[in-house]
Amino acid sequence: MWVVASEPKKPQNPGPPQGPGDPGESGQSDVDVDERTLPTTVRRYKVVFHNDDYTTMEFVVDCLMTFFHKSETEATHVMLTVHRKGSAVAGIYPREVAETKVEQVMDHARKYGMPLLLTAEPE
């Protein structure tokens, strides 16, 4: 019995040639590439204290120390800036954090009968 060696059969429709480093005729490779999106920067907001004629300086210092974790010296500096210039930034945070701090401090002020005003403004 005779055994005849034959060449491997070629596919009927081979398509464009694709080898290592050969992207084919269309200029595309057979590798799926996921597009990456660049991380977006979170927009930050300033928490601003506004001056009024009724809220005591001690209360403002206490709020800055309690809710913004300022030292007594830092809190006094911010309070004096509010008193002299009409407003001052207590901190800069992501939107949700800034809005939460404004709400917490204003609720605290209302609880003690103070008309303290804070706002969250885009940086």
Protein backbone atom coordinates (compact mmCIF):
# COMPACT_ATOMS: atom_id res chain seq x y z
CA MET A 1 0.00 0.00 0.00
CA TRP A 2 1.24 3.37 -0.93
CA VAL A 3 0.77 6.48 1.23
CA VAL A 4 0.73 9.75 -0.60
CA ALA A 5 1.53 12.87 1.37
CA SER A 6 -0.68 15.73 0.44
CA GLU A 7 -0.54 19.40 1.27
CA PRO A 8 -2.99 20.72 3.84
CA LYS A 9 -6.20 21.90 2.32
CA LYS A 10 -6.55 25.64 1.96
CA PRO A 11 -9.82 27.30 2.94
CA GLN A 12 -12.19 28.05 0.10
CA ASN A 13 -12.44 31.78 0.93
CA PRO A 14 -9.28 32.78 2.78
CA GLY A 15 -10.10 36.52 3.02
CA PRO A 16 -7.38 39.12 3.28
CA PRO A 17 -3.97 37.84 4.27
CA GLN A 18 -3.33 38.26 7.96
CA GLY A 19 -0.03 37.48 9.50
CA PRO A 20 1.95 38.92 12.37
CA GLY A 21 2.24 42.64 11.75
CA ASP A 22 0.11 42.44 8.61
CA PRO A 23 -3.12 44.38 9.21
CA GLY A 24 -4.65 43.20 5.96
CA GLU A 25 -5.87 45.11 2.95
CA SER A 26 -8.41 47.23 4.84
CA GLY A 27 -5.83 48.63 7.25
CA GLN A 28 -7.62 47.13 10.27
CA SER A 29 -6.41 44.40 12.55
CA ASP A 30 -8.43 41.62 14.06
CA VAL A 31 -7.86 42.87 17.62
CA ASP A 32 -10.73 44.58 19.41
CA VAL A 33 -9.61 47.73 21.15
CA ASP A 34 -11.69 49.25 23.91
CA GLU A 35 -11.67 53.02 23.81
CA ARG A 36 -10.74 54.59 27.10
CA THR A 37 -12.37 57.70 28.35
CA LEU A 38 -10.16 60.07 30.26
CA PRO A 39 -11.21 60.62 33.84
CA THR A 40 -13.17 63.80 34.14
CA THR A 41 -12.19 66.27 36.79
CA VAL A 42 -14.84 66.80 39.40
CA ARG A 43 -16.04 70.37 39.51
CA ARG A 44 -15.26 71.84 42.90
CA TYR A 45 -17.31 74.29 44.92
CA LYS A 46 -16.34 76.95 47.44
CA VAL A 47 -18.25 77.10 50.70
CA VAL A 48 -18.61 80.81 51.40
CA PHE A 49 -19.58 82.43 54.71
CA HIS A 50 -21.41 85.76 54.36
CA ASN A 51 -21.40 88.57 56.90
CA ASP A 52 -24.49 89.65 58.81
CA ASP A 53 -25.09 91.97 61.74
CA TYR A 54 -26.54 89.42 64.16
CA THR A 55 -24.47 86.20 64.12
CA THR A 56 -21.79 86.40 66.79
CA MET A 57 -18.13 86.08 65.92
CA GLU A 58 -17.76 83.29 68.49
CA PHE A 59 -20.54 81.30 66.83
CA VAL A 60 -18.85 81.59 63.41
CA VAL A 61 -15.52 80.46 64.89
CA ASP A 62 -17.28 77.52 66.58
CA CYS A 63 -18.94 76.50 63.26
CA LEU A 64 -15.63 76.68 61.41
CA MET A 65 -13.94 74.52 64.02
CA THR A 66 -16.79 72.01 64.26
CA PHE A 67 -17.87 71.56 60.65
CA PHE A 68 -14.70 72.52 58.73
CA HIS A 69 -12.12 71.13 61.17
CA LYS A 70 -10.24 74.43 61.34
CA SER A 71 -7.89 75.24 64.20
CA GLU A 72 -8.92 78.14 66.43
CA THR A 73 -6.36 80.36 64.71
CA GLU A 74 -7.57 79.45 61.19
CA ALA A 75 -11.21 79.84 62.22
CA THR A 76 -10.54 83.26 63.72
CA HIS A 77 -8.74 84.35 60.56
CA VAL A 78 -11.66 83.26 58.34
CA MET A 79 -14.17 84.91 60.70
CA LEU A 80 -12.26 88.22 60.64
CA THR A 81 -12.08 88.08 56.83
CA VAL A 82 -15.88 87.62 56.74
CA HIS A 83 -16.29 90.52 59.17
CA ARG A 84 -14.00 92.90 57.26
CA LYS A 85 -14.64 91.95 53.62
CA GLY A 86 -18.21 90.69 53.77
CA SER A 87 -17.48 87.06 52.84
CA ALA A 88 -14.76 84.43 52.97
CA VAL A 89 -14.16 80.90 51.71
CA ALA A 90 -14.24 78.25 54.43
CA GLY A 91 -13.25 75.38 52.13
CA ILE A 92 -13.36 73.92 48.63
CA TYR A 93 -15.08 70.57 48.07
CA PRO A 94 -16.87 68.45 45.47
CA ARG A 95 -20.42 69.66 44.90
CA GLU A 96 -22.21 67.13 47.11
CA VAL A 97 -19.86 67.69 50.04
CA ALA A 98 -20.09 71.49 49.73
CA GLU A 99 -23.89 71.41 49.63
CA THR A 100 -24.01 69.07 52.62
CA LYS A 101 -21.74 71.34 54.67
CA VAL A 102 -23.85 74.40 53.80
CA GLU A 103 -27.01 72.58 54.86
CA GLN A 104 -25.50 71.27 58.10
CA VAL A 105 -24.10 74.65 59.19
CA MET A 106 -27.25 76.55 58.30
CA ASP A 107 -29.40 74.02 60.19
CA HIS A 108 -27.08 74.38 63.18
CA ALA A 109 -27.34 78.18 62.98
CA ARG A 110 -31.16 78.09 62.78
CA LYS A 111 -31.24 75.78 65.78
CA TYR A 112 -29.43 78.47 67.78
CA GLY A 113 -31.44 81.36 66.28
CA MET A 114 -28.61 82.76 64.14
CA PRO A 115 -29.27 84.15 60.64
CA LEU A 116 -25.91 82.88 59.33
CA LEU A 117 -25.76 82.58 55.55
CA LEU A 118 -23.52 80.19 53.64
CA THR A 119 -23.44 79.44 49.94
CA ALA A 120 -21.79 76.83 47.72
CA GLU A 121 -20.36 78.48 44.61
CA PRO A 122 -18.47 76.95 41.67
CA GLU A 123 -14.75 77.48 41.87
